[in-house]
Amino acid sequence: MWSDDRACRSLGITLEDVGPGHARLSMRVRDDMVNGHGTCHGGFIFALADTAFGYACNARNERSVAQHCSITFLRPGRLGQMLVATAEERARAGRSGIYDIVVCSADGTVIAEFRGHSRGLGEKFFPG
């Protein structure tokens, strides 16, 4: 999945850790990510959180997609700031899952909270 993820590479997202039901990714806020307020555009923060969600829910070798996502922005991201998104699985039932993702600055200040609902496709990445 990572080797084919051109979107992550274009945003400078780094995969720090991944395992069944969890993932941690980071992204530095670049000049081309800053909006008219001089802060990180919320779409880039959403993209980071959504990517962490995607890796957490796909880490069991079961192809999953988002069926619903929501985000609450608490503080702005700033130019040059390293943002870290940590995803944790909260529940799984059948092909559905719920994941909470917290986006923080490097010092642990919470920037946004994201909740994602996944839906398994009934397919594997790798046979076996």
Protein backbone atom coordinates (compact mmCIF):
# COMPACT_ATOMS: atom_id res chain seq x y z
CA MET A 1 0.00 0.00 0.00
CA TRP A 2 2.78 2.45 0.95
CA SER A 3 4.78 1.86 -2.23
CA ASP A 4 1.78 2.88 -4.37
CA ASP A 5 0.74 5.87 -2.21
CA ARG A 6 1.71 8.81 -4.42
CA ALA A 7 -0.58 11.16 -2.47
CA CYS A 8 1.44 10.61 0.73
CA ARG A 9 4.73 11.18 -1.04
CA SER A 10 3.47 14.41 -2.64
CA LEU A 11 2.47 15.74 0.80
CA GLY A 12 5.72 14.65 2.45
CA ILE A 13 3.89 12.29 4.82
CA THR A 14 6.15 9.83 6.64
CA LEU A 15 4.96 6.46 7.95
CA GLU A 16 6.40 6.22 11.48
CA ASP A 17 4.67 3.08 12.78
CA VAL A 18 1.89 0.74 11.70
CA GLY A 19 0.35 -2.45 13.04
CA PRO A 20 -3.06 -4.09 13.31
CA GLY A 21 -5.46 -1.37 14.43
CA HIS A 22 -2.94 1.43 14.85
CA ALA A 23 -0.71 3.75 12.85
CA ARG A 24 1.42 6.86 13.37
CA LEU A 25 2.34 9.22 10.53
CA SER A 26 3.92 12.67 10.39
CA MET A 27 3.95 15.64 8.04
CA ARG A 28 5.78 18.97 8.14
CA VAL A 29 3.62 21.99 7.24
CA ARG A 30 5.14 23.48 4.08
CA ASP A 31 4.70 26.90 2.53
CA ASP A 32 2.37 25.49 -0.14
CA MET A 33 0.06 24.14 2.61
CA VAL A 34 -0.61 27.54 4.22
CA ASN A 35 -3.95 29.30 3.61
CA GLY A 36 -4.89 33.00 3.56
CA HIS A 37 -4.90 33.10 7.38
CA GLY A 38 -1.24 32.09 7.44
CA THR A 39 -2.06 28.70 8.97
CA CYS A 40 -2.13 25.16 7.63
CA HIS A 41 -5.17 24.58 5.42
CA GLY A 42 -7.55 22.17 7.14
CA GLY A 43 -7.62 19.93 4.09
CA PHE A 44 -3.96 19.02 4.63
CA ILE A 45 -4.60 18.22 8.30
CA PHE A 46 -7.58 16.10 7.24
CA ALA A 47 -5.42 14.32 4.65
CA LEU A 48 -2.82 13.44 7.31
CA ALA A 49 -5.50 12.13 9.71
CA ASP A 50 -7.30 10.24 6.93
CA THR A 51 -4.04 8.62 5.87
CA ALA A 52 -3.32 7.43 9.43
CA PHE A 53 -6.88 6.06 9.55
CA GLY A 54 -6.33 4.24 6.25
CA TYR A 55 -3.13 2.55 7.38
CA ALA A 56 -4.61 1.53 10.76
CA CYS A 57 -7.71 -0.06 9.24
CA ASN A 58 -5.80 -1.81 6.42
CA ALA A 59 -2.98 -3.22 8.58
CA ARG A 60 -4.70 -6.59 9.13
CA ASN A 61 -4.26 -7.58 5.45
CA GLU A 62 -7.94 -6.84 4.81
CA ARG A 63 -8.74 -4.17 2.22
CA SER A 64 -10.86 -1.48 3.88
CA VAL A 65 -12.21 1.89 2.80
CA ALA A 66 -13.70 4.86 4.63
CA GLN A 67 -17.47 4.91 4.90
CA HIS A 68 -17.64 8.04 7.10
CA CYS A 69 -15.15 10.52 8.55
CA SER A 70 -15.44 13.62 10.71
CA ILE A 71 -12.86 16.03 12.07
CA THR A 72 -12.84 18.70 14.75
CA PHE A 73 -10.14 21.36 14.46
CA LEU A 74 -8.98 22.63 17.86
CA ARG A 75 -5.90 24.70 16.99
CA PRO A 76 -4.24 25.83 13.78
CA GLY A 77 -1.24 24.09 12.31
CA ARG A 78 1.65 26.49 11.66
CA LEU A 79 4.19 26.84 8.88
CA GLY A 80 7.21 24.63 9.59
CA GLN A 81 5.42 22.69 12.32
CA MET A 82 5.72 18.90 12.40
CA LEU A 83 2.28 17.34 12.75
CA VAL A 84 1.88 13.77 14.01
CA ALA A 85 -1.30 11.73 13.48
CA THR A 86 -1.84 8.73 15.74
CA ALA A 87 -4.66 6.32 14.85
CA GLU A 88 -6.18 3.76 17.23
CA GLU A 89 -8.88 1.21 16.56
CA ARG A 90 -11.81 1.61 18.96
CA ALA A 91 -14.16 -1.14 17.75
CA ARG A 92 -14.58 -3.78 15.04
CA ALA A 93 -17.72 -5.72 14.22
CA GLY A 94 -17.90 -7.86 11.10
CA ARG A 95 -16.59 -5.74 8.24
CA SER A 96 -17.05 -2.41 10.09
CA GLY A 97 -14.58 -0.56 12.28
CA ILE A 98 -14.31 2.70 14.22
CA TYR A 99 -10.98 4.53 14.56
CA ASP A 100 -9.96 7.64 16.48
CA ILE A 101 -7.09 9.74 15.20
CA VAL A 102 -5.43 12.58 17.10
CA VAL A 103 -3.30 15.08 15.21
CA CYS A 104 -0.74 16.79 17.46
CA SER A 105 2.21 19.09 17.10
CA ALA A 106 5.61 17.59 17.93
CA ASP A 107 5.28 18.87 21.52
CA GLY A 108 1.99 16.99 21.99
CA THR A 109 -0.40 19.93 21.60
CA VAL A 110 -3.64 18.63 20.07
CA ILE A 111 -4.42 20.25 16.71
CA ALA A 112 -7.40 18.13 15.61
CA GLU A 113 -9.41 15.02 16.44
CA PHE A 114 -10.74 12.78 13.66
CA ARG A 115 -13.07 9.79 13.77
CA GLY A 116 -13.24 7.34 10.89
CA HIS A 117 -15.65 4.51 10.19
CA SER A 118 -14.23 1.80 7.94
CA ARG A 119 -15.84 -0.86 5.82
CA GLY A 120 -14.01 -4.03 4.82
CA LEU A 121 -14.22 -5.05 1.17
CA GLY A 122 -13.83 -8.77 1.82
CA GLU A 123 -10.49 -8.83 -0.05
CA LYS A 124 -6.91 -9.41 1.07
CA PHE A 125 -3.80 -7.50 0.04
CA PHE A 126 -1.75 -10.70 0.11
CA PRO A 127 -3.02 -14.28 -0.22
CA GLY A 128 -2.88 -16.53 2.78
